[in-house]
Amino acid sequence: MGKSKTFEILKQGGVWGALEHIIDKKAHKGGIYALLQRLMMAQILRKLDSAHSNEMILFCKKHHIYTTNPTFLKYFAKEYDNIKLWLASQSFLEKYANHPYPPLLNPNTLDYEQISPQIAWELNIPLPPYYKFIYFGSHASGNRGLNHFVLNCGGMDYIRYPSSSKIIYEKYWEQILSYHYTMPPPHFGYLSIREYMKDKDSNKLYALIPQTKALNLIRDPISILKSGINFRRKRLQMAQEENLSFALSPDFICENLIGYNGYDAHNDESTFGKEDAPCFGTIRGSLKYNFTDFHDTDLRKALINIADEDIICIDMSEIVGKRAFETMNTLAKAFSFPAPKPSDKEKFEVNVSYYEGLLPLVFRVQMEQKSIALHLIDKIFALDERIYVKVPVDEVDIWQHKNTFEHYQDITQFLFNQDNFYERIIVCIEKKDFEILKQDTKTCEQIKEYLLAFIPRLEEQRKIEESKKLSEEQILQYLHTHKELALQAKAVFEKHLTFLASVRPDIIESWKYYQEFLAMCEEMS
């Protein structure tokens, strides 16, 4: 990816542009790259404004701005007088004097559409505040369920793109502006923060998330371990690449489709999707890395603009089954988004992860005119005017919401004269492709014949995978026989739950399996 980007810059901007890109990319390592970055930045500023270049260079040094990006430096030189006026203003001094990343232009008067996220990042501009709330927490805590229920209320999550903190900021910015200005009411956005970044820019990322209301979804740590152990991944490469073919037998696809996470003890690292069944070794990886799990207190500390009193903590049990509908009504009032419709009450009682790992699937069907994509999805992801052919919470395609509006069509009734299979499975296609498909009787018959064999086999595989699941009781038994691991887990859990213990100790006290775990550790001690 890095080479291709450098090559594209070389083609568009020449050798100098490619050199700037390489230097900016490697300057954080220090040494010659950092020195070259500072020298090149100074040279560019002198060309832009020789009279004030020394002053601007000293300003950049004071505010830790180091870049060779000519677009940013041109913008900076143009706005330099406005920047100085803002930093000397009473408004700035009252609000940002002690902020670790103070905005160098006034966010309240800034036209967000007229500034790129790359420039905004360098100037410490907080994310555009066009969303209802932020949602933070660990994986395996009911995220998919909450995400789905908010979708049903018209919500769209501004999803993370966990490659680097700076990239996350840029992608958040692009999504917020795109959906804020284009989506029709009553849709709304919220910021989803589920990974804990620890790179060189992570503190800045979290500091540039402005003050707002927040939701922290939490869960019994033993149940988090259970979900991590039982998590089903697509293992079959052709399924990962969305390139399944009718030439593959249903048995071959279903038998090779699912894999589970594990742990390579020899290399002391997690493995992903390589195991045939859930395994206890996954626990070690979950405890070792807090990028995805057990990081709620760390995240809460990092979100420095969010006040404790603005955070609502709820346990996952409150969004499961019949409790979910009332919980979503409560959250709708707290965060000022549309409440769920009474007629949709049953939609909030579904098990969102029912076909985890098994769906969605994409088959490529070759027709005379073109190849078309046939999507098998869980119908719960087909909302009023939106059809998600990818499970939203699993993907990092930042335009996923935009693509769902009037882009896909459910053709289950057209093909099979029934609304769905097993009350959940439907077949979808792009609308433009459907106009071609419905004229091709032969291909329609091939699709029907194959899927009438494949879908029952997929349902059979779902039952097979369900039978492999491990329970909380089995996890507690395993930890009981692995004292060192149990005590390690206790330390990780306590750090993870420090914030929750300070605001909602009652939730921790209500957790059956965690309380049993604490009693077990007490006996071990």
Protein backbone atom coordinates (compact mmCIF):
# COMPACT_ATOMS: atom_id res chain seq x y z
CA MET A 1 0.00 0.00 0.00
CA GLY A 2 2.80 2.44 0.94
CA LYS A 3 4.73 1.79 -2.30
CA SER A 4 1.67 2.27 -4.47
CA LYS A 5 0.79 5.55 -2.75
CA THR A 6 4.36 6.82 -3.17
CA PHE A 7 4.26 5.79 -6.82
CA GLU A 8 0.97 7.65 -7.38
CA ILE A 9 2.43 10.76 -5.75
CA LEU A 10 5.52 10.38 -7.92
CA LYS A 11 3.35 10.33 -11.05
CA GLN A 12 1.21 13.29 -9.96
CA GLY A 13 3.68 15.47 -8.06
CA GLY A 14 7.04 14.41 -9.41
CA VAL A 15 10.20 13.53 -7.50
CA TRP A 16 9.85 16.44 -5.08
CA GLY A 17 6.30 15.44 -4.12
CA ALA A 18 7.31 11.82 -3.61
CA LEU A 19 10.26 12.92 -1.48
CA GLU A 20 7.97 15.08 0.69
CA HIS A 21 5.64 12.11 1.19
CA ILE A 22 8.45 9.74 2.20
CA ILE A 23 10.00 12.26 4.60
CA ASP A 24 6.68 13.07 6.29
CA LYS A 25 5.94 9.37 6.59
CA LYS A 26 9.25 8.54 8.30
CA ALA A 27 10.04 11.76 10.21
CA HIS A 28 8.49 10.47 13.44
CA LYS A 29 11.41 8.03 13.68
CA GLY A 30 13.75 10.99 14.13
CA GLY A 31 17.26 11.19 12.69
CA ILE A 32 17.90 12.35 9.14
CA TYR A 33 14.22 12.20 8.11
CA ALA A 34 13.15 14.56 10.92
CA LEU A 35 16.00 16.95 10.07
CA LEU A 36 15.11 16.95 6.37
CA GLN A 37 11.46 17.53 7.20
CA ARG A 38 12.26 20.66 9.22
CA LEU A 39 14.66 22.00 6.57
CA MET A 40 12.20 21.43 3.73
CA MET A 41 9.32 22.97 5.70
CA ALA A 42 11.42 26.08 6.39
CA GLN A 43 12.33 26.35 2.71
CA ILE A 44 8.68 26.13 1.62
CA LEU A 45 7.60 28.78 4.15
CA ARG A 46 10.35 31.14 2.98
CA LYS A 47 9.08 30.81 -0.59
CA LEU A 48 5.51 31.47 0.52
CA ASP A 49 6.22 34.48 2.75
CA SER A 50 9.84 35.47 3.14
CA ALA A 51 9.03 38.44 5.39
CA HIS A 52 7.29 36.35 8.06
CA SER A 53 8.93 32.97 7.46
CA ASN A 54 11.18 33.02 10.53
CA GLU A 55 8.24 33.94 12.75
CA MET A 56 6.13 31.16 11.21
CA ILE A 57 8.94 28.62 11.61
CA LEU A 58 9.22 29.45 15.32
CA PHE A 59 5.42 29.22 15.64
CA CYS A 60 5.39 25.77 14.03
CA LYS A 61 8.15 24.61 16.35
CA LYS A 62 6.23 25.85 19.42
CA HIS A 63 3.06 24.05 18.33
CA HIS A 64 4.81 20.88 17.11
CA ILE A 65 3.82 21.37 13.48
CA TYR A 66 6.26 19.55 11.23
CA THR A 67 5.24 18.74 7.68
CA THR A 68 6.42 19.26 4.12
CA ASN A 69 2.88 19.19 2.74
CA PRO A 70 2.72 22.26 0.45
CA THR A 71 -1.09 22.40 0.53
CA PHE A 72 -1.11 22.71 4.30
CA LEU A 73 1.78 25.15 4.45
CA LYS A 74 0.12 27.39 1.83
CA TYR A 75 -3.11 27.37 3.87
CA PHE A 76 -1.15 28.01 7.07
CA ALA A 77 0.71 30.99 5.58
CA LYS A 78 -2.56 32.45 4.25
CA GLU A 79 -4.33 32.09 7.61
CA TYR A 80 -1.36 32.98 9.81
CA ASP A 81 -2.70 36.41 10.83
CA ASN A 82 -6.10 34.89 11.71
CA ILE A 83 -4.37 32.18 13.71
CA LYS A 84 -2.47 34.79 15.75
CA LEU A 85 -5.64 36.81 16.38
CA TRP A 86 -7.52 33.71 17.56
CA LEU A 87 -4.75 32.58 19.91
CA ALA A 88 -4.65 36.04 21.50
CA SER A 89 -8.42 36.21 21.95
CA GLN A 90 -10.16 35.96 25.32
CA SER A 91 -12.33 33.11 24.01
CA PHE A 92 -9.27 31.00 23.23
CA LEU A 93 -7.56 31.76 26.53
CA GLU A 94 -10.65 30.90 28.56
CA LYS A 95 -11.38 27.60 26.84
CA TYR A 96 -8.13 26.23 25.45
CA ALA A 97 -5.21 27.73 27.36
CA ASN A 98 -4.54 24.43 29.15
CA HIS A 99 -5.66 22.06 26.40
CA PRO A 100 -2.88 19.74 25.15
CA TYR A 101 -4.01 20.18 21.52
CA PRO A 102 -5.63 23.63 21.27
CA PRO A 103 -7.30 24.46 17.93
CA LEU A 104 -5.28 27.00 15.98
CA LEU A 105 -8.41 28.42 14.35
CA ASN A 106 -11.75 29.09 16.01
CA PRO A 107 -13.93 25.96 15.55
CA ASN A 108 -17.09 28.02 16.10
CA THR A 109 -16.48 30.21 13.06
CA LEU A 110 -14.77 27.66 10.84
CA ASP A 111 -16.46 26.48 7.63
CA TYR A 112 -15.81 22.75 7.90
CA GLU A 113 -16.62 22.20 4.25
CA GLN A 114 -13.82 24.53 3.19
CA ILE A 115 -11.02 22.73 5.02
CA SER A 116 -9.62 19.27 4.39
CA PRO A 117 -9.20 16.79 7.25
CA GLN A 118 -5.45 16.75 6.58
CA ILE A 119 -5.20 20.50 7.19
CA ALA A 120 -7.63 20.30 10.12
CA TRP A 121 -5.45 17.64 11.76
CA GLU A 122 -2.34 19.81 11.62
CA LEU A 123 -4.29 22.76 13.08
CA ASN A 124 -5.78 20.66 15.93
CA ILE A 125 -9.35 21.30 14.75
CA PRO A 126 -11.88 19.18 16.70
CA LEU A 127 -14.05 16.86 14.63
CA PRO A 128 -17.17 18.50 13.17
CA PRO A 129 -19.81 18.25 15.93
CA TYR A 130 -22.54 16.96 13.63
CA TYR A 131 -23.50 13.80 15.50
CA LYS A 132 -25.77 12.92 18.42
CA PHE A 133 -23.35 11.14 20.73
CA ILE A 134 -20.23 9.02 20.93
CA TYR A 135 -20.28 5.36 21.80
CA PHE A 136 -17.22 3.71 23.31
CA GLY A 137 -16.37 0.35 24.80
CA SER A 138 -14.77 -3.03 24.24
CA HIS A 139 -15.50 -5.61 21.59
CA ALA A 140 -17.71 -8.61 22.44
CA SER A 141 -19.96 -6.43 24.61
CA GLY A 142 -23.11 -6.34 22.50
CA ASN A 143 -21.80 -3.88 19.94
CA ARG A 144 -23.44 -5.52 16.97
CA GLY A 145 -26.80 -5.58 18.73
CA LEU A 146 -26.60 -1.95 19.80
CA ASN A 147 -25.42 -0.90 16.35
CA HIS A 148 -28.36 -2.69 14.77
CA PHE A 149 -30.93 -1.24 17.13
CA VAL A 150 -29.66 2.31 16.56
CA LEU A 151 -29.80 1.61 12.80
CA ASN A 152 -33.48 0.79 13.25
CA CYS A 153 -33.97 4.20 14.86
CA GLY A 154 -32.38 5.92 11.85
CA GLY A 155 -28.82 6.05 13.17
CA MET A 156 -25.63 5.66 11.18
CA ASP A 157 -22.37 4.91 12.91
CA TYR A 158 -19.30 6.85 11.86
CA ILE A 159 -17.05 3.84 11.88
CA ARG A 160 -13.41 3.56 12.69
CA TYR A 161 -10.67 2.73 10.22
CA PRO A 162 -8.10 1.27 12.62
CA SER A 163 -4.86 1.68 10.70
CA SER A 164 -3.53 4.77 12.49
CA SER A 165 -4.97 7.49 14.70
CA LYS A 166 -4.46 10.14 12.03
CA ILE A 167 -6.27 8.05 9.40
CA ILE A 168 -9.13 7.41 11.85
CA TYR A 169 -9.50 11.16 12.33
CA GLU A 170 -9.55 11.78 8.57
CA LYS A 171 -12.13 9.04 7.94
CA TYR A 172 -14.35 10.24 10.77
CA TRP A 173 -14.17 13.76 9.30
CA GLU A 174 -15.11 12.58 5.79
CA GLN A 175 -18.04 10.52 7.02
CA ILE A 176 -19.40 13.18 9.35
CA LEU A 177 -19.47 15.82 6.61
CA SER A 178 -20.76 13.45 3.95
CA TYR A 179 -23.72 12.15 5.92
CA HIS A 180 -24.48 15.42 7.70
CA TYR A 181 -25.05 17.25 4.44
CA THR A 182 -26.52 14.51 2.25
CA MET A 183 -28.65 12.14 4.28
CA PRO A 184 -32.37 12.83 4.44
CA PRO A 185 -34.10 13.21 7.83
CA PRO A 186 -34.73 11.59 10.23
CA HIS A 187 -31.35 9.88 9.91
CA PHE A 188 -28.58 10.87 12.28
CA GLY A 189 -24.99 9.96 13.02
CA TYR A 190 -23.02 8.82 16.04
CA LEU A 191 -19.32 8.28 16.59
CA SER A 192 -18.26 4.69 17.27
CA ILE A 193 -15.02 4.20 19.26
CA ARG A 194 -14.37 0.53 19.92
CA GLU A 195 -10.62 0.16 19.46
CA TYR A 196 -8.05 1.64 21.82
CA MET A 197 -5.29 3.18 19.74
CA LYS A 198 -1.81 3.50 21.21
CA ASP A 199 0.27 4.92 18.37
CA LYS A 200 2.15 8.22 18.37
CA ASP A 201 -0.98 10.23 17.52
CA SER A 202 -3.58 8.48 19.68
CA ASN A 203 -3.66 11.13 22.43
CA LYS A 204 -4.26 13.77 19.79
CA LEU A 205 -7.04 11.76 18.14
CA TYR A 206 -8.98 11.43 21.38
CA ALA A 207 -8.30 15.06 22.35
CA LEU A 208 -9.86 16.22 19.06
CA ILE A 209 -13.18 14.54 19.83
CA PRO A 210 -15.20 17.48 21.20
CA GLN A 211 -17.38 17.60 24.27
CA THR A 212 -20.63 15.69 23.82
CA LYS A 213 -22.81 13.05 25.45
CA ALA A 214 -21.45 9.51 25.48
CA LEU A 215 -22.61 5.92 25.86
CA ASN A 216 -20.46 3.18 27.39
CA LEU A 217 -21.78 -0.34 26.77
CA ILE A 218 -20.27 -2.87 29.16
CA ARG A 219 -20.55 -6.58 29.95
CA ASP A 220 -19.50 -9.25 32.43
CA PRO A 221 -15.80 -9.90 31.57
CA ILE A 222 -16.29 -13.68 31.64
CA SER A 223 -19.04 -13.31 29.05
CA ILE A 224 -16.73 -11.12 26.97
CA LEU A 225 -14.20 -13.97 27.00
CA LYS A 226 -16.98 -16.36 25.94
CA SER A 227 -17.92 -14.25 22.93
CA GLY A 228 -14.29 -13.86 21.93
CA ILE A 229 -13.73 -17.60 22.11
CA ASN A 230 -16.91 -18.43 20.17
CA PHE A 231 -16.49 -15.67 17.57
CA ARG A 232 -16.94 -17.09 14.07
CA ARG A 233 -14.84 -15.76 11.22
CA LYS A 234 -15.02 -16.40 7.50
CA ARG A 235 -12.04 -18.64 6.84
CA LEU A 236 -12.70 -19.54 3.21
CA GLN A 237 -10.69 -17.08 1.12
CA MET A 238 -13.22 -16.90 -1.71
CA ALA A 239 -15.87 -15.92 0.83
CA GLN A 240 -13.59 -13.25 2.27
CA GLU A 241 -12.97 -11.90 -1.22
CA GLU A 242 -16.70 -11.94 -2.05
CA ASN A 243 -15.99 -14.23 -4.96
CA LEU A 244 -17.94 -17.45 -4.42
CA SER A 245 -18.99 -19.41 -7.47
CA PHE A 246 -21.76 -21.87 -8.30
CA ALA A 247 -18.98 -24.19 -9.45
CA LEU A 248 -18.24 -24.83 -5.76
CA SER A 249 -20.41 -27.42 -4.07
CA PRO A 250 -22.54 -26.33 -1.08
CA ASP A 251 -20.75 -28.93 1.05
CA PHE A 252 -17.31 -27.56 0.17
CA ILE A 253 -18.28 -23.98 0.96
CA CYS A 254 -20.06 -24.74 4.22
CA GLU A 255 -17.45 -27.17 5.54
CA ASN A 256 -14.64 -24.68 4.94
CA LEU A 257 -16.45 -21.43 5.62
CA ILE A 258 -15.94 -20.91 9.36
CA GLY A 259 -12.79 -20.58 11.43
CA TYR A 260 -12.14 -19.56 15.04
CA ASN A 261 -9.47 -17.50 16.73
CA GLY A 262 -6.75 -19.19 18.71
CA TYR A 263 -3.34 -18.64 20.28
CA ASP A 264 0.10 -19.69 19.05
CA ALA A 265 1.95 -20.48 22.28
CA HIS A 266 5.26 -20.99 20.48
CA ASN A 267 5.24 -17.46 19.03
CA ASP A 268 3.17 -16.02 21.89
CA GLU A 269 0.62 -14.40 19.58
CA SER A 270 -3.03 -14.62 18.62
CA THR A 271 -4.18 -16.43 15.50
CA PHE A 272 -7.28 -15.44 13.58
CA GLY A 273 -9.75 -17.81 11.97
CA LYS A 274 -7.40 -20.79 11.77
CA GLU A 275 -9.04 -23.09 14.33
CA ASP A 276 -11.82 -25.57 13.55
CA ALA A 277 -13.57 -24.99 16.88
CA PRO A 278 -13.55 -22.53 19.79
CA CYS A 279 -10.50 -22.94 22.03
CA PHE A 280 -9.51 -21.69 25.48
CA GLY A 281 -6.16 -20.46 24.17
CA THR A 282 -7.97 -17.39 22.83
CA ILE A 283 -8.15 -16.10 26.41
CA ARG A 284 -4.42 -15.37 26.47
CA GLY A 285 -4.64 -13.16 23.41
CA SER A 286 -7.67 -11.30 24.78
CA LEU A 287 -5.78 -10.50 27.98
CA LYS A 288 -2.51 -9.61 26.28
CA TYR A 289 -3.79 -6.98 23.85
CA ASN A 290 -6.24 -4.29 24.92
CA PHE A 291 -6.62 -2.90 21.40
CA THR A 292 -10.05 -4.56 21.12
CA ASP A 293 -10.96 -5.83 24.60
CA PHE A 294 -10.81 -4.72 28.24
CA HIS A 295 -9.81 -1.12 27.61
CA ASP A 296 -12.82 0.90 28.79
CA THR A 297 -11.02 2.81 31.55
CA ASP A 298 -8.12 3.59 29.20
CA LEU A 299 -10.54 4.91 26.59
CA ARG A 300 -12.44 6.93 29.14
CA LYS A 301 -9.20 8.59 30.32
CA ALA A 302 -8.17 9.32 26.73
CA LEU A 303 -11.47 11.09 25.93
CA ILE A 304 -10.42 14.20 27.83
CA ASN A 305 -13.25 16.46 26.61
CA ILE A 306 -16.00 14.13 27.86
CA ALA A 307 -17.28 14.69 31.41
CA ASP A 308 -18.23 11.78 33.67
CA GLU A 309 -21.72 13.22 34.11
CA ASP A 310 -22.23 13.11 30.33
CA ILE A 311 -21.55 9.35 30.12
CA ILE A 312 -24.36 6.82 30.37
CA CYS A 313 -23.20 3.30 31.24
CA ILE A 314 -25.46 0.38 30.41
CA ASP A 315 -24.97 -3.34 30.77
CA MET A 316 -25.36 -5.53 27.70
CA SER A 317 -28.25 -7.37 29.39
CA GLU A 318 -30.32 -4.21 28.93
CA ILE A 319 -30.25 -4.54 25.13
CA VAL A 320 -31.01 -8.28 24.98
CA GLY A 321 -34.43 -9.76 24.26
CA LYS A 322 -37.54 -8.00 25.52
CA ARG A 323 -35.54 -5.40 27.49
CA ALA A 324 -33.99 -3.93 24.34
CA PHE A 325 -37.04 -2.00 23.13
CA GLU A 326 -37.50 -0.08 26.39
CA THR A 327 -33.76 0.54 26.67
CA MET A 328 -33.71 2.06 23.19
CA ASN A 329 -36.60 4.33 24.16
CA THR A 330 -34.60 5.48 27.18
CA LEU A 331 -31.48 6.09 25.08
CA ALA A 332 -33.52 7.96 22.46
CA LYS A 333 -34.61 10.44 25.12
CA ALA A 334 -31.11 10.76 26.58
CA PHE A 335 -29.40 11.35 23.22
CA SER A 336 -32.25 13.11 21.38
CA PHE A 337 -32.69 10.68 18.50
CA PRO A 338 -35.97 9.22 17.15
CA ALA A 339 -37.49 6.59 19.42
CA PRO A 340 -38.17 3.13 17.99
CA LYS A 341 -41.60 2.63 16.49
CA PRO A 342 -43.98 0.47 18.58
CA SER A 343 -44.75 -1.48 15.41
CA ASP A 344 -41.06 -2.45 15.21
CA LYS A 345 -40.88 -3.90 18.73
CA GLU A 346 -40.12 -7.43 17.50
CA LYS A 347 -37.10 -6.13 15.56
CA PHE A 348 -35.46 -5.28 18.88
CA GLU A 349 -35.80 -8.82 20.23
CA VAL A 350 -33.75 -10.59 17.56
CA ASN A 351 -30.38 -12.27 18.02
CA VAL A 352 -28.32 -10.07 15.71
CA SER A 353 -25.38 -12.51 15.65
CA TYR A 354 -27.49 -15.50 14.64
CA TYR A 355 -25.64 -15.93 11.31
CA GLU A 356 -22.31 -14.54 12.49
CA GLY A 357 -19.55 -15.60 10.09
CA LEU A 358 -22.02 -17.41 7.83
CA LEU A 359 -23.65 -14.34 6.29
CA PRO A 360 -23.38 -12.18 4.31
CA LEU A 361 -22.06 -14.15 1.33
CA VAL A 362 -21.48 -12.96 -2.22
CA PHE A 363 -21.74 -15.19 -5.30
CA ARG A 364 -20.43 -14.01 -8.65
CA VAL A 365 -22.77 -15.10 -11.44
CA GLN A 366 -21.51 -14.92 -15.01
CA MET A 367 -24.12 -13.85 -17.55
CA GLU A 368 -23.77 -13.24 -21.26
CA GLN A 369 -23.53 -9.48 -20.83
CA LYS A 370 -21.62 -9.23 -17.54
CA SER A 371 -20.83 -10.75 -14.16
CA ILE A 372 -23.27 -9.84 -11.41
CA ALA A 373 -23.00 -10.08 -7.62
CA LEU A 374 -25.65 -12.03 -5.76
CA HIS A 375 -25.81 -11.22 -2.04
CA LEU A 376 -27.13 -13.63 0.58
CA ILE A 377 -27.84 -11.63 3.71
CA ASP A 378 -29.69 -11.79 7.01
CA LYS A 379 -32.94 -9.90 6.42
CA ILE A 380 -32.60 -7.98 9.69
CA PHE A 381 -30.03 -5.86 7.83
CA ALA A 382 -32.66 -4.87 5.27
CA LEU A 383 -34.22 -1.78 6.83
CA ASP A 384 -36.86 0.56 5.39
CA GLU A 385 -34.95 2.12 2.51
CA ARG A 386 -31.56 0.66 3.33
CA ILE A 387 -30.19 -2.79 2.54
CA TYR A 388 -26.83 -3.59 4.12
CA VAL A 389 -25.18 -6.27 2.03
CA LYS A 390 -22.29 -6.09 4.50
CA VAL A 391 -22.85 -6.32 8.23
CA PRO A 392 -22.13 -2.69 9.18
CA VAL A 393 -20.24 -3.25 12.41
CA ASP A 394 -17.77 -5.62 10.74
CA GLU A 395 -16.70 -3.40 7.88
CA VAL A 396 -14.46 -0.38 7.44
CA ASP A 397 -15.95 0.82 4.14
CA ILE A 398 -16.64 4.42 5.08
CA TRP A 399 -19.36 4.83 2.44
CA GLN A 400 -21.35 1.80 3.57
CA HIS A 401 -24.39 3.84 4.64
CA LYS A 402 -24.50 5.88 1.45
CA ASN A 403 -24.39 2.70 -0.66
CA THR A 404 -27.42 1.24 1.09
CA PHE A 405 -29.85 3.99 0.10
CA GLU A 406 -31.88 2.70 -2.85
CA HIS A 407 -28.84 0.80 -4.11
CA TYR A 408 -29.86 -2.83 -3.58
CA GLN A 409 -33.04 -4.79 -4.09
CA ASP A 410 -34.45 -7.86 -2.37
CA ILE A 411 -35.24 -10.41 -5.11
CA THR A 412 -36.18 -13.39 -2.90
CA GLN A 413 -39.86 -13.13 -3.80
CA PHE A 414 -39.04 -12.76 -7.49
CA LEU A 415 -36.92 -15.94 -7.55
CA PHE A 416 -38.68 -18.20 -5.06
CA ASN A 417 -42.20 -16.83 -4.51
CA GLN A 418 -41.48 -16.52 -0.79
CA ASP A 419 -40.22 -13.67 1.39
CA ASN A 420 -37.26 -15.43 2.99
CA PHE A 421 -35.67 -18.71 4.09
CA TYR A 422 -35.70 -19.79 7.73
CA GLU A 423 -37.32 -16.44 8.55
CA ARG A 424 -33.98 -14.64 8.10
CA ILE A 425 -32.17 -15.32 4.81
CA ILE A 426 -32.87 -13.20 1.73
CA VAL A 427 -31.25 -12.73 -1.69
CA CYS A 428 -30.32 -9.22 -2.84
CA ILE A 429 -28.81 -7.67 -5.93
CA GLU A 430 -27.90 -4.22 -7.23
CA LYS A 431 -30.93 -2.64 -8.86
CA LYS A 432 -29.13 -2.01 -12.13
CA ASP A 433 -28.14 -5.69 -12.31
CA PHE A 434 -31.68 -6.82 -11.57
CA GLU A 435 -32.89 -5.09 -14.72
CA ILE A 436 -30.53 -7.38 -16.65
CA LEU A 437 -31.15 -10.55 -14.62
CA LYS A 438 -34.93 -10.57 -14.90
CA GLN A 439 -34.61 -10.75 -18.69
CA ASP A 440 -32.40 -13.86 -18.47
CA THR A 441 -34.62 -16.85 -17.68
CA LYS A 442 -31.82 -19.39 -17.98
CA THR A 443 -29.60 -17.67 -15.40
CA CYS A 444 -32.56 -17.23 -13.06
CA GLU A 445 -33.20 -20.98 -13.16
CA GLN A 446 -29.52 -21.71 -12.45
CA ILE A 447 -29.60 -19.39 -9.44
CA LYS A 448 -32.77 -20.96 -8.09
CA GLU A 449 -31.48 -24.51 -8.49
CA TYR A 450 -28.18 -23.77 -6.74
CA LEU A 451 -29.56 -21.71 -3.86
CA LEU A 452 -32.34 -24.21 -3.13
CA ALA A 453 -29.55 -26.68 -2.38
CA PHE A 454 -27.12 -24.23 -0.78
CA ILE A 455 -29.34 -22.40 1.72
CA PRO A 456 -30.55 -25.54 3.58
CA ARG A 457 -26.92 -26.72 3.74
CA LEU A 458 -25.90 -23.35 5.19
CA GLU A 459 -28.60 -23.64 7.85
CA GLU A 460 -27.31 -27.10 8.71
CA GLN A 461 -23.82 -25.64 9.12
CA ARG A 462 -25.17 -22.95 11.44
CA LYS A 463 -26.48 -25.65 13.76
CA ILE A 464 -23.13 -27.47 13.62
CA GLU A 465 -21.27 -24.31 14.63
CA GLU A 466 -23.78 -23.57 17.39
CA SER A 467 -23.06 -26.98 18.92
CA LYS A 468 -19.36 -26.09 19.25
CA LYS A 469 -19.89 -23.12 21.57
CA LEU A 470 -18.19 -22.98 24.96
CA SER A 471 -20.00 -21.55 28.00
CA GLU A 472 -19.09 -19.22 30.86
CA GLU A 473 -19.13 -22.20 33.23
CA GLN A 474 -16.54 -23.99 31.10
CA ILE A 475 -14.37 -20.87 31.02
CA LEU A 476 -14.50 -20.59 34.81
CA GLN A 477 -13.53 -24.26 35.10
CA TYR A 478 -10.59 -23.67 32.76
CA LEU A 479 -9.40 -20.63 34.73
CA HIS A 480 -9.74 -22.61 37.96
CA THR A 481 -7.16 -25.08 36.65
CA HIS A 482 -4.87 -22.31 35.34
CA LYS A 483 -4.12 -20.19 38.39
CA GLU A 484 -1.51 -17.93 36.79
CA LEU A 485 -3.84 -17.10 33.91
CA ALA A 486 -6.74 -16.47 36.30
CA LEU A 487 -4.73 -14.00 38.38
CA GLN A 488 -3.53 -12.28 35.21
CA ALA A 489 -7.15 -11.98 34.10
CA LYS A 490 -8.14 -10.51 37.47
CA ALA A 491 -5.56 -7.73 37.12
CA VAL A 492 -6.65 -6.96 33.55
CA PHE A 493 -10.34 -6.90 34.52
CA GLU A 494 -9.79 -4.62 37.51
CA LYS A 495 -7.93 -2.06 35.40
CA HIS A 496 -10.58 -2.29 32.69
CA LEU A 497 -13.39 -1.71 35.20
CA THR A 498 -11.85 1.11 37.25
CA PHE A 499 -14.03 3.78 35.64
CA LEU A 500 -17.22 1.72 35.88
CA ALA A 501 -16.51 0.94 39.54
CA SER A 502 -16.36 4.68 40.24
CA VAL A 503 -19.73 5.50 38.65
CA ARG A 504 -21.83 2.29 38.52
CA PRO A 505 -20.51 -0.30 41.00
CA ASP A 506 -24.01 -1.80 41.06
CA ILE A 507 -23.52 -3.12 37.53
CA ILE A 508 -20.33 -4.94 38.52
CA GLU A 509 -22.06 -6.41 41.57
CA SER A 510 -24.85 -7.76 39.34
CA TRP A 511 -22.53 -9.89 37.20
CA LYS A 512 -23.00 -13.54 38.13
CA TYR A 513 -19.94 -15.00 36.44
CA TYR A 514 -17.55 -12.19 37.36
CA GLN A 515 -18.53 -12.46 41.02
CA GLU A 516 -17.94 -16.22 40.88
CA PHE A 517 -14.57 -15.51 39.27
CA LEU A 518 -13.59 -13.06 42.03
CA ALA A 519 -14.54 -15.60 44.69
CA MET A 520 -12.42 -18.21 42.91
CA CYS A 521 -9.43 -15.85 42.80
CA GLU A 522 -9.89 -15.10 46.49
CA GLU A 523 -9.63 -18.81 47.24
CA MET A 524 -6.51 -19.05 45.06
CA SER A 525 -4.86 -16.23 46.98
